[in-house]
Amino acid sequence: MSGSPWGGSEELWGRTALKLVERGLQITASVEAHSPAHARLREMATHGINVWQRPPWYSRKKKPLSWFLGRDPAKHEVLELIKRLAPSLVVFSSGTTIIPVEFLELCIASKIGFVTISQANYEDWWPPDWVAERLGPAMKAALRCYFVSEGNLRLAERQLGVDLPNAEVVRNPVNLPPGPPPP
């Protein structure tokens, strides 16, 4: 997340994480770091959620190494986090429908249940064919694929070339202050 540190998509998974930790489940959230950390992230930490803030950039030492090894350091660290924690469920919340397929394939290979939450989708965000060929079947293997609108869901199915019978539409919370509606 390189834009706003907290929006509707973060509110959606953040509220869910708080409800789950209240039920006694251990929750880890991996988010891109912002300085200062958003108040909602600090609140999550005070409620016992392990908030791991990934750096928005990586040192000069990691960048050349990632180029040489052909891997993105942020993706590599998330993959290592999933391997280390071996969770019973992973929730991938993305600003697009193109969630890094390596994450989903790791969960499939490791027999870790996962769900996806896809926020925005646009007609010009088509993945390359090689990504769609892997991402379509991986999304079908999810326990659930959540989309914030019917239009985003249908467009994702066209972009990936698959029907997603495990898909469901959920609405993002609206964070308006109390009082009269805005003009």
N, C-alpha and C. Protein backbone atom coordinates (compact mmCIF):
# COMPACT_ATOMS: atom_id res chain seq x y z
N MET A 1 0.86 -1.15 0.00
CA MET A 1 0.00 0.00 0.00
C MET A 1 0.90 1.21 0.00
N SER A 2 1.02 1.88 -1.08
CA SER A 2 1.92 3.01 -1.16
C SER A 2 1.21 4.35 -1.02
N GLY A 3 -0.11 4.38 -1.04
CA GLY A 3 -0.84 5.63 -0.92
C GLY A 3 -1.21 5.89 0.53
N SER A 4 -2.50 5.98 0.78
CA SER A 4 -2.99 6.23 2.13
C SER A 4 -2.71 5.04 3.03
N PRO A 5 -2.29 5.31 4.28
CA PRO A 5 -1.98 4.19 5.16
C PRO A 5 -3.20 3.45 5.69
N TRP A 6 -4.41 4.04 5.54
CA TRP A 6 -5.59 3.36 6.06
C TRP A 6 -6.81 3.79 5.28
N GLY A 7 -7.50 2.85 4.70
CA GLY A 7 -8.71 3.14 3.93
C GLY A 7 -9.74 2.06 4.18
N GLY A 8 -10.70 1.95 3.28
CA GLY A 8 -11.78 0.98 3.44
C GLY A 8 -11.31 -0.45 3.47
N SER A 9 -10.31 -0.79 2.65
CA SER A 9 -9.84 -2.18 2.63
C SER A 9 -9.16 -2.54 3.94
N GLU A 10 -8.37 -1.60 4.49
CA GLU A 10 -7.72 -1.86 5.77
C GLU A 10 -8.75 -1.95 6.89
N GLU A 11 -9.77 -1.12 6.81
CA GLU A 11 -10.83 -1.16 7.83
C GLU A 11 -11.54 -2.51 7.79
N LEU A 12 -11.74 -3.04 6.59
CA LEU A 12 -12.42 -4.33 6.44
C LEU A 12 -11.65 -5.44 7.13
N TRP A 13 -10.35 -5.60 6.81
CA TRP A 13 -9.60 -6.68 7.45
C TRP A 13 -9.23 -6.33 8.88
N GLY A 14 -9.04 -5.04 9.17
CA GLY A 14 -8.67 -4.63 10.53
C GLY A 14 -9.77 -4.92 11.55
N ARG A 15 -11.01 -4.61 11.19
CA ARG A 15 -12.13 -4.92 12.10
C ARG A 15 -12.27 -6.43 12.30
N THR A 16 -12.06 -7.16 11.21
CA THR A 16 -12.15 -8.62 11.30
C THR A 16 -11.06 -9.16 12.22
N ALA A 17 -9.85 -8.64 12.08
CA ALA A 17 -8.73 -9.09 12.92
C ALA A 17 -9.03 -8.82 14.40
N LEU A 18 -9.59 -7.66 14.71
CA LEU A 18 -9.92 -7.34 16.10
C LEU A 18 -10.97 -8.29 16.66
N LYS A 19 -11.97 -8.63 15.84
CA LYS A 19 -13.01 -9.57 16.29
C LYS A 19 -12.41 -10.96 16.53
N LEU A 20 -11.49 -11.37 15.67
CA LEU A 20 -10.89 -12.70 15.82
C LEU A 20 -9.98 -12.78 17.04
N VAL A 21 -9.22 -11.72 17.32
CA VAL A 21 -8.35 -11.74 18.49
C VAL A 21 -9.19 -11.73 19.77
N GLU A 22 -10.38 -11.08 19.74
CA GLU A 22 -11.28 -11.10 20.89
C GLU A 22 -11.77 -12.52 21.17
N ARG A 23 -11.83 -13.36 20.15
CA ARG A 23 -12.26 -14.75 20.29
C ARG A 23 -11.11 -15.67 20.71
N GLY A 24 -9.93 -15.08 20.95
CA GLY A 24 -8.81 -15.86 21.44
C GLY A 24 -7.86 -16.37 20.37
N LEU A 25 -8.03 -15.95 19.14
CA LEU A 25 -7.14 -16.40 18.08
C LEU A 25 -5.89 -15.52 18.02
N GLN A 26 -4.78 -16.12 17.62
CA GLN A 26 -3.54 -15.36 17.44
C GLN A 26 -3.55 -14.79 16.02
N ILE A 27 -3.32 -13.48 15.94
CA ILE A 27 -3.37 -12.79 14.65
C ILE A 27 -2.06 -12.05 14.41
N THR A 28 -1.53 -12.20 13.19
CA THR A 28 -0.39 -11.42 12.74
C THR A 28 -0.82 -10.67 11.49
N ALA A 29 -0.54 -9.38 11.45
CA ALA A 29 -0.86 -8.56 10.28
C ALA A 29 0.44 -8.05 9.68
N SER A 30 0.62 -8.26 8.40
CA SER A 30 1.79 -7.77 7.68
C SER A 30 1.34 -6.61 6.81
N VAL A 31 1.87 -5.42 7.10
CA VAL A 31 1.47 -4.22 6.38
C VAL A 31 2.71 -3.41 6.01
N GLU A 32 2.58 -2.60 4.96
CA GLU A 32 3.68 -1.72 4.60
C GLU A 32 3.77 -0.62 5.65
N ALA A 33 4.98 -0.34 6.09
CA ALA A 33 5.20 0.65 7.15
C ALA A 33 4.95 2.07 6.65
N HIS A 34 4.38 2.86 7.53
CA HIS A 34 4.23 4.30 7.33
C HIS A 34 4.69 4.96 8.61
N SER A 35 5.23 6.15 8.50
CA SER A 35 5.70 6.84 9.70
C SER A 35 4.95 8.16 9.84
N PRO A 36 4.27 8.32 10.95
CA PRO A 36 4.12 7.37 12.04
C PRO A 36 3.11 6.28 11.67
N ALA A 37 3.12 5.21 12.45
CA ALA A 37 2.15 4.13 12.22
C ALA A 37 0.75 4.69 12.42
N HIS A 38 -0.19 4.23 11.60
CA HIS A 38 -1.57 4.69 11.70
C HIS A 38 -2.15 4.31 13.07
N ALA A 39 -3.02 5.15 13.58
CA ALA A 39 -3.63 4.92 14.90
C ALA A 39 -4.34 3.57 14.97
N ARG A 40 -4.96 3.13 13.90
CA ARG A 40 -5.66 1.82 13.91
C ARG A 40 -4.65 0.68 14.07
N LEU A 41 -3.45 0.81 13.49
CA LEU A 41 -2.43 -0.23 13.67
C LEU A 41 -1.95 -0.25 15.11
N ARG A 42 -1.78 0.93 15.69
CA ARG A 42 -1.37 0.98 17.10
C ARG A 42 -2.45 0.36 17.99
N GLU A 43 -3.71 0.62 17.66
CA GLU A 43 -4.82 0.03 18.42
C GLU A 43 -4.79 -1.50 18.30
N MET A 44 -4.54 -2.00 17.10
CA MET A 44 -4.48 -3.44 16.90
C MET A 44 -3.38 -4.05 17.77
N ALA A 45 -2.23 -3.40 17.82
CA ALA A 45 -1.11 -3.90 18.63
C ALA A 45 -1.48 -3.93 20.11
N THR A 46 -2.21 -2.93 20.59
CA THR A 46 -2.59 -2.91 22.01
C THR A 46 -3.60 -4.00 22.34
N HIS A 47 -4.29 -4.52 21.32
CA HIS A 47 -5.24 -5.62 21.53
C HIS A 47 -4.61 -6.99 21.32
N GLY A 48 -3.30 -7.03 21.17
CA GLY A 48 -2.62 -8.32 21.08
C GLY A 48 -2.36 -8.82 19.67
N ILE A 49 -2.60 -8.01 18.68
CA ILE A 49 -2.31 -8.41 17.30
C ILE A 49 -0.85 -8.10 17.01
N ASN A 50 -0.13 -9.08 16.50
CA ASN A 50 1.27 -8.89 16.12
C ASN A 50 1.28 -8.15 14.78
N VAL A 51 1.63 -6.87 14.80
CA VAL A 51 1.65 -6.05 13.59
C VAL A 51 3.09 -5.99 13.09
N TRP A 52 3.35 -6.61 11.96
CA TRP A 52 4.66 -6.61 11.35
C TRP A 52 4.64 -5.60 10.20
N GLN A 53 5.39 -4.51 10.37
CA GLN A 53 5.42 -3.46 9.36
C GLN A 53 6.63 -3.66 8.45
N ARG A 54 6.32 -3.99 7.20
CA ARG A 54 7.38 -4.17 6.19
C ARG A 54 7.90 -2.81 5.77
N PRO A 55 9.20 -2.70 5.54
CA PRO A 55 9.72 -1.41 5.06
C PRO A 55 9.18 -1.10 3.67
N PRO A 56 8.88 0.19 3.40
CA PRO A 56 8.41 0.54 2.06
C PRO A 56 9.53 0.51 1.03
N TRP A 57 10.76 0.46 1.49
CA TRP A 57 11.92 0.37 0.61
C TRP A 57 12.95 -0.52 1.30
N TYR A 58 13.89 -0.98 0.53
CA TYR A 58 14.90 -1.87 1.07
C TYR A 58 16.29 -1.29 0.87
N SER A 59 17.19 -1.68 1.73
CA SER A 59 18.56 -1.16 1.71
C SER A 59 19.26 -1.47 0.39
N ARG A 60 20.34 -0.77 0.17
CA ARG A 60 21.14 -1.03 -1.03
C ARG A 60 21.66 -2.45 -1.06
N LYS A 61 21.89 -3.03 0.11
CA LYS A 61 22.39 -4.41 0.15
C LYS A 61 21.33 -5.38 -0.36
N LYS A 62 20.07 -5.15 -0.01
CA LYS A 62 19.02 -6.08 -0.42
C LYS A 62 18.61 -5.89 -1.87
N LYS A 63 18.62 -4.64 -2.38
CA LYS A 63 18.18 -4.41 -3.75
C LYS A 63 19.03 -5.13 -4.78
N PRO A 64 20.38 -4.99 -4.77
CA PRO A 64 21.17 -5.73 -5.76
C PRO A 64 21.04 -7.24 -5.59
N LEU A 65 20.95 -7.69 -4.36
CA LEU A 65 20.79 -9.12 -4.12
C LEU A 65 19.47 -9.60 -4.72
N SER A 66 18.40 -8.81 -4.55
CA SER A 66 17.12 -9.21 -5.10
C SER A 66 17.16 -9.25 -6.62
N TRP A 67 17.87 -8.27 -7.22
CA TRP A 67 18.00 -8.27 -8.67
C TRP A 67 18.77 -9.50 -9.12
N PHE A 68 19.87 -9.81 -8.44
CA PHE A 68 20.70 -10.95 -8.80
C PHE A 68 19.93 -12.26 -8.64
N LEU A 69 19.17 -12.38 -7.55
CA LEU A 69 18.43 -13.62 -7.29
C LEU A 69 17.09 -13.66 -8.03
N GLY A 70 16.70 -12.52 -8.60
CA GLY A 70 15.45 -12.48 -9.35
C GLY A 70 14.22 -12.53 -8.44
N ARG A 71 14.31 -11.90 -7.27
CA ARG A 71 13.14 -11.90 -6.39
C ARG A 71 12.99 -10.56 -5.69
N ASP A 72 11.77 -10.23 -5.42
CA ASP A 72 11.42 -8.99 -4.74
C ASP A 72 11.61 -9.21 -3.24
N PRO A 73 12.39 -8.36 -2.56
CA PRO A 73 12.65 -8.59 -1.13
C PRO A 73 11.38 -8.56 -0.28
N ALA A 74 10.42 -7.70 -0.62
CA ALA A 74 9.17 -7.64 0.16
C ALA A 74 8.41 -8.96 0.02
N LYS A 75 8.28 -9.46 -1.20
CA LYS A 75 7.60 -10.75 -1.42
C LYS A 75 8.33 -11.86 -0.69
N HIS A 76 9.65 -11.85 -0.79
CA HIS A 76 10.45 -12.88 -0.13
C HIS A 76 10.20 -12.88 1.38
N GLU A 77 10.15 -11.70 1.99
CA GLU A 77 9.94 -11.63 3.44
C GLU A 77 8.55 -12.10 3.84
N VAL A 78 7.54 -11.79 3.02
CA VAL A 78 6.18 -12.27 3.32
C VAL A 78 6.13 -13.79 3.19
N LEU A 79 6.76 -14.33 2.15
CA LEU A 79 6.80 -15.79 1.99
C LEU A 79 7.48 -16.44 3.19
N GLU A 80 8.60 -15.86 3.64
CA GLU A 80 9.31 -16.40 4.80
C GLU A 80 8.46 -16.29 6.07
N LEU A 81 7.70 -15.22 6.22
CA LEU A 81 6.81 -15.06 7.38
C LEU A 81 5.75 -16.17 7.39
N ILE A 82 5.15 -16.43 6.25
CA ILE A 82 4.13 -17.49 6.16
C ILE A 82 4.75 -18.84 6.50
N LYS A 83 5.93 -19.12 5.95
CA LYS A 83 6.60 -20.39 6.24
C LYS A 83 6.90 -20.52 7.73
N ARG A 84 7.42 -19.44 8.33
CA ARG A 84 7.82 -19.48 9.74
C ARG A 84 6.61 -19.64 10.67
N LEU A 85 5.53 -18.91 10.40
CA LEU A 85 4.36 -18.95 11.29
C LEU A 85 3.49 -20.18 11.06
N ALA A 86 3.49 -20.72 9.83
CA ALA A 86 2.63 -21.85 9.47
C ALA A 86 1.21 -21.65 10.04
N PRO A 87 0.53 -20.57 9.64
CA PRO A 87 -0.79 -20.28 10.19
C PRO A 87 -1.85 -21.26 9.70
N SER A 88 -2.98 -21.27 10.39
CA SER A 88 -4.08 -22.12 9.93
C SER A 88 -4.89 -21.43 8.85
N LEU A 89 -4.79 -20.10 8.77
CA LEU A 89 -5.50 -19.34 7.75
C LEU A 89 -4.70 -18.08 7.42
N VAL A 90 -4.63 -17.75 6.13
CA VAL A 90 -3.99 -16.52 5.69
C VAL A 90 -5.04 -15.72 4.91
N VAL A 91 -5.13 -14.43 5.22
CA VAL A 91 -6.03 -13.53 4.50
C VAL A 91 -5.16 -12.58 3.69
N PHE A 92 -5.32 -12.61 2.38
CA PHE A 92 -4.59 -11.72 1.49
C PHE A 92 -5.52 -10.60 1.07
N SER A 93 -5.25 -9.41 1.54
CA SER A 93 -6.04 -8.23 1.16
C SER A 93 -5.21 -7.41 0.19
N SER A 94 -5.77 -7.16 -0.98
CA SER A 94 -5.01 -6.48 -2.02
C SER A 94 -5.80 -5.31 -2.59
N GLY A 95 -5.08 -4.29 -2.97
CA GLY A 95 -5.71 -3.14 -3.63
C GLY A 95 -6.17 -3.46 -5.04
N THR A 96 -5.75 -4.61 -5.57
CA THR A 96 -6.17 -5.04 -6.91
C THR A 96 -6.62 -6.49 -6.82
N THR A 97 -6.95 -7.07 -7.95
CA THR A 97 -7.29 -8.50 -7.96
C THR A 97 -6.05 -9.35 -8.22
N ILE A 98 -4.93 -8.71 -8.49
CA ILE A 98 -3.72 -9.46 -8.83
C ILE A 98 -2.86 -9.61 -7.58
N ILE A 99 -3.19 -10.60 -6.78
CA ILE A 99 -2.44 -10.93 -5.58
C ILE A 99 -1.22 -11.75 -6.02
N PRO A 100 -0.05 -11.50 -5.44
CA PRO A 100 1.12 -12.26 -5.87
C PRO A 100 0.86 -13.78 -5.82
N VAL A 101 0.91 -14.40 -6.96
CA VAL A 101 0.54 -15.81 -7.08
C VAL A 101 1.45 -16.71 -6.25
N GLU A 102 2.69 -16.27 -6.01
CA GLU A 102 3.61 -17.07 -5.20
C GLU A 102 3.05 -17.28 -3.79
N PHE A 103 2.36 -16.27 -3.26
CA PHE A 103 1.77 -16.38 -1.92
C PHE A 103 0.70 -17.47 -1.90
N LEU A 104 -0.17 -17.43 -2.90
CA LEU A 104 -1.26 -18.39 -2.95
C LEU A 104 -0.72 -19.81 -3.18
N GLU A 105 0.26 -19.92 -4.07
CA GLU A 105 0.83 -21.24 -4.35
C GLU A 105 1.55 -21.81 -3.13
N LEU A 106 2.20 -20.96 -2.33
CA LEU A 106 2.83 -21.44 -1.10
C LEU A 106 1.77 -22.01 -0.15
N CYS A 107 0.65 -21.30 -0.02
CA CYS A 107 -0.42 -21.79 0.86
C CYS A 107 -0.98 -23.12 0.34
N ILE A 108 -1.16 -23.23 -0.96
CA ILE A 108 -1.68 -24.47 -1.55
C ILE A 108 -0.71 -25.61 -1.28
N ALA A 109 0.58 -25.39 -1.57
CA ALA A 109 1.59 -26.44 -1.37
C ALA A 109 1.74 -26.81 0.10
N SER A 110 1.56 -25.84 0.98
CA SER A 110 1.72 -26.08 2.43
C SER A 110 0.41 -26.50 3.10
N LYS A 111 -0.64 -26.61 2.32
CA LYS A 111 -1.97 -26.98 2.84
C LYS A 111 -2.45 -26.00 3.92
N ILE A 112 -2.21 -24.71 3.67
CA ILE A 112 -2.66 -23.64 4.55
C ILE A 112 -3.90 -23.02 3.89
N GLY A 113 -5.00 -22.97 4.62
CA GLY A 113 -6.20 -22.34 4.10
C GLY A 113 -5.97 -20.86 3.89
N PHE A 114 -6.57 -20.32 2.83
CA PHE A 114 -6.42 -18.89 2.58
C PHE A 114 -7.67 -18.33 1.93
N VAL A 115 -7.86 -17.03 2.14
CA VAL A 115 -8.92 -16.28 1.47
C VAL A 115 -8.27 -15.04 0.87
N THR A 116 -8.92 -14.48 -0.14
CA THR A 116 -8.44 -13.26 -0.76
C THR A 116 -9.52 -12.19 -0.63
N ILE A 117 -9.06 -10.95 -0.47
CA ILE A 117 -9.97 -9.80 -0.50
C ILE A 117 -9.42 -8.87 -1.58
N SER A 118 -10.19 -8.69 -2.64
CA SER A 118 -9.77 -7.84 -3.75
C SER A 118 -10.58 -6.56 -3.72
N GLN A 119 -9.88 -5.45 -3.71
CA GLN A 119 -10.54 -4.15 -3.53
C GLN A 119 -10.92 -3.51 -4.86
N ALA A 120 -9.95 -2.98 -5.55
CA ALA A 120 -10.22 -2.23 -6.77
C ALA A 120 -9.88 -3.08 -7.99
N ASN A 121 -10.54 -2.79 -9.08
CA ASN A 121 -10.24 -3.46 -10.33
C ASN A 121 -10.61 -2.51 -11.46
N TYR A 122 -9.78 -2.48 -12.49
CA TYR A 122 -10.03 -1.61 -13.63
C TYR A 122 -9.83 -2.38 -14.91
N GLU A 123 -10.52 -1.95 -15.92
CA GLU A 123 -10.45 -2.63 -17.22
C GLU A 123 -9.03 -2.68 -17.77
N ASP A 124 -8.18 -1.74 -17.42
CA ASP A 124 -6.82 -1.76 -17.97
C ASP A 124 -5.80 -2.43 -17.05
N TRP A 125 -6.24 -3.16 -16.04
CA TRP A 125 -5.32 -3.86 -15.12
C TRP A 125 -5.23 -5.34 -15.46
N TRP A 126 -5.17 -5.71 -16.67
CA TRP A 126 -5.11 -7.11 -17.04
C TRP A 126 -3.73 -7.68 -16.72
N PRO A 127 -3.69 -8.85 -16.08
CA PRO A 127 -2.39 -9.46 -15.79
C PRO A 127 -1.80 -10.07 -17.07
N PRO A 128 -0.49 -10.21 -17.10
CA PRO A 128 0.10 -10.94 -18.23
C PRO A 128 -0.47 -12.37 -18.27
N ASP A 129 -0.50 -12.96 -19.45
CA ASP A 129 -1.08 -14.30 -19.61
C ASP A 129 -0.46 -15.31 -18.65
N TRP A 130 0.87 -15.27 -18.48
CA TRP A 130 1.53 -16.26 -17.63
C TRP A 130 1.08 -16.11 -16.17
N VAL A 131 0.74 -14.89 -15.75
CA VAL A 131 0.23 -14.68 -14.39
C VAL A 131 -1.20 -15.20 -14.29
N ALA A 132 -2.04 -14.85 -15.26
CA ALA A 132 -3.44 -15.29 -15.24
C ALA A 132 -3.54 -16.82 -15.26
N GLU A 133 -2.67 -17.48 -16.01
CA GLU A 133 -2.69 -18.95 -16.09
C GLU A 133 -2.42 -19.59 -14.74
N ARG A 134 -1.63 -18.95 -13.89
CA ARG A 134 -1.35 -19.48 -12.55
C ARG A 134 -2.34 -18.94 -11.52
N LEU A 135 -2.69 -17.66 -11.65
CA LEU A 135 -3.53 -17.02 -10.64
C LEU A 135 -4.96 -17.53 -10.67
N GLY A 136 -5.50 -17.80 -11.84
CA GLY A 136 -6.88 -18.30 -11.94
C GLY A 136 -7.08 -19.58 -11.12
N PRO A 137 -6.30 -20.63 -11.38
CA PRO A 137 -6.45 -21.86 -10.58
C PRO A 137 -6.13 -21.65 -9.09
N ALA A 138 -5.17 -20.78 -8.79
CA ALA A 138 -4.84 -20.53 -7.38
C ALA A 138 -6.02 -19.86 -6.66
N MET A 139 -6.67 -18.91 -7.33
CA MET A 139 -7.84 -18.25 -6.72
C MET A 139 -8.98 -19.25 -6.53
N LYS A 140 -9.12 -20.17 -7.45
CA LYS A 140 -10.16 -21.20 -7.30
C LYS A 140 -9.89 -22.12 -6.11
N ALA A 141 -8.61 -22.23 -5.71
CA ALA A 141 -8.25 -23.07 -4.56
C ALA A 141 -8.46 -22.36 -3.22
N ALA A 142 -8.76 -21.06 -3.25
CA ALA A 142 -8.99 -20.32 -2.01
C ALA A 142 -10.26 -20.82 -1.33
N LEU A 143 -10.29 -20.71 -0.01
CA LEU A 143 -11.52 -21.03 0.71
C LEU A 143 -12.63 -20.09 0.28
N ARG A 144 -12.27 -18.82 0.12
CA ARG A 144 -13.18 -17.80 -0.37
C ARG A 144 -12.38 -16.71 -1.07
N CYS A 145 -12.98 -16.11 -2.09
CA CYS A 145 -12.44 -14.93 -2.76
C CYS A 145 -13.46 -13.83 -2.57
N TYR A 146 -13.11 -12.84 -1.78
CA TYR A 146 -14.02 -11.74 -1.50
C TYR A 146 -13.72 -10.57 -2.42
N PHE A 147 -14.77 -9.96 -2.92
CA PHE A 147 -14.67 -8.78 -3.77
C PHE A 147 -15.59 -7.71 -3.19
N VAL A 148 -15.23 -6.44 -3.38
CA VAL A 148 -16.03 -5.37 -2.80
C VAL A 148 -17.19 -4.94 -3.70
N SER A 149 -17.28 -5.52 -4.89
CA SER A 149 -18.44 -5.24 -5.75
C SER A 149 -18.61 -6.38 -6.75
N GLU A 150 -19.82 -6.50 -7.22
CA GLU A 150 -20.14 -7.49 -8.25
C GLU A 150 -19.35 -7.21 -9.53
N GLY A 151 -19.20 -5.93 -9.87
CA GLY A 151 -18.45 -5.55 -11.08
C GLY A 151 -16.99 -5.98 -10.99
N ASN A 152 -16.36 -5.79 -9.82
CA ASN A 152 -14.97 -6.22 -9.65
C ASN A 152 -14.83 -7.72 -9.78
N LEU A 153 -15.79 -8.45 -9.23
CA LEU A 153 -15.78 -9.91 -9.31
C LEU A 153 -15.87 -10.36 -10.77
N ARG A 154 -16.84 -9.87 -11.50
CA ARG A 154 -17.05 -10.30 -12.90
C ARG A 154 -15.84 -9.92 -13.77
N LEU A 155 -15.29 -8.74 -13.55
CA LEU A 155 -14.11 -8.33 -14.32
C LEU A 155 -12.92 -9.23 -14.00
N ALA A 156 -12.73 -9.57 -12.74
CA ALA A 156 -11.63 -10.47 -12.35
C ALA A 156 -11.79 -11.83 -13.02
N GLU A 157 -13.00 -12.35 -13.08
CA GLU A 157 -13.22 -13.64 -13.75
C GLU A 157 -12.83 -13.55 -15.23
N ARG A 158 -13.16 -12.44 -15.87
CA ARG A 158 -12.76 -12.26 -17.27
C ARG A 158 -11.25 -12.13 -17.39
N GLN A 159 -10.64 -11.35 -16.50
CA GLN A 159 -9.19 -11.13 -16.56
C GLN A 159 -8.40 -12.42 -16.32
N LEU A 160 -8.93 -13.29 -15.46
CA LEU A 160 -8.22 -14.53 -15.12
C LEU A 160 -8.67 -15.72 -15.97
N GLY A 161 -9.75 -15.56 -16.70
CA GLY A 161 -10.24 -16.63 -17.57
C GLY A 161 -10.83 -17.80 -16.80
N VAL A 162 -11.41 -17.54 -15.62
CA VAL A 162 -12.01 -18.60 -14.81
C VAL A 162 -13.30 -18.10 -14.16
N ASP A 163 -14.18 -19.03 -13.87
CA ASP A 163 -15.32 -18.74 -13.00
C ASP A 163 -14.84 -18.99 -11.57
N LEU A 164 -15.28 -18.16 -10.65
CA LEU A 164 -14.89 -18.31 -9.25
C LEU A 164 -16.13 -18.65 -8.41
N PRO A 165 -16.47 -19.94 -8.35
CA PRO A 165 -17.65 -20.32 -7.57
C PRO A 165 -17.47 -20.07 -6.07
N ASN A 166 -16.23 -19.86 -5.63
CA ASN A 166 -15.93 -19.60 -4.22
C ASN A 166 -15.90 -18.10 -3.92
N ALA A 167 -16.39 -17.27 -4.85
CA ALA A 167 -16.35 -15.82 -4.68
C ALA A 167 -17.61 -15.32 -3.98
N GLU A 168 -17.42 -14.21 -3.27
CA GLU A 168 -18.53 -13.57 -2.56
C GLU A 168 -18.27 -12.08 -2.53
N VAL A 169 -19.33 -11.29 -2.60
CA VAL A 169 -19.20 -9.85 -2.53
C VAL A 169 -19.41 -9.41 -1.09
N VAL A 170 -18.45 -8.63 -0.57
CA VAL A 170 -18.55 -8.02 0.76
C VAL A 170 -18.32 -6.52 0.57
N ARG A 171 -18.97 -5.74 1.37
CA ARG A 171 -18.85 -4.29 1.22
C ARG A 171 -17.82 -3.73 2.19
N ASN A 172 -17.03 -2.78 1.73
CA ASN A 172 -16.09 -2.08 2.60
C ASN A 172 -16.89 -1.20 3.57
N PRO A 173 -16.44 -1.12 4.82
CA PRO A 173 -17.08 -0.18 5.75
C PRO A 173 -16.85 1.26 5.28
N VAL A 174 -17.80 2.09 5.58
CA VAL A 174 -17.68 3.51 5.25
C VAL A 174 -17.30 4.23 6.53
N ASN A 175 -16.21 4.96 6.51
CA ASN A 175 -15.72 5.64 7.70
C ASN A 175 -16.09 7.12 7.68
N LEU A 176 -17.37 7.41 7.79
CA LEU A 176 -17.82 8.80 7.83
C LEU A 176 -18.03 9.21 9.29
N PRO A 177 -17.70 10.44 9.62
CA PRO A 177 -17.94 10.89 10.99
C PRO A 177 -19.43 10.98 11.26
N PRO A 178 -19.84 10.84 12.53
CA PRO A 178 -21.27 10.97 12.82
C PRO A 178 -21.76 12.37 12.49
N GLY A 179 -23.01 12.45 12.20
CA GLY A 179 -23.60 13.75 11.86
C GLY A 179 -24.32 13.70 10.54
N PRO A 180 -24.63 14.86 10.03
CA PRO A 180 -25.38 14.87 8.75
C PRO A 180 -24.51 14.36 7.62
N PRO A 181 -25.13 13.77 6.62
CA PRO A 181 -24.35 13.26 5.49
C PRO A 181 -23.64 14.39 4.76
N PRO A 182 -22.49 14.07 4.17
CA PRO A 182 -21.77 15.12 3.42
C PRO A 182 -22.61 15.56 2.21
N PRO A 183 -22.34 16.78 1.73
CA PRO A 183 -23.12 17.27 0.56
C PRO A 183 -22.87 16.41 -0.67
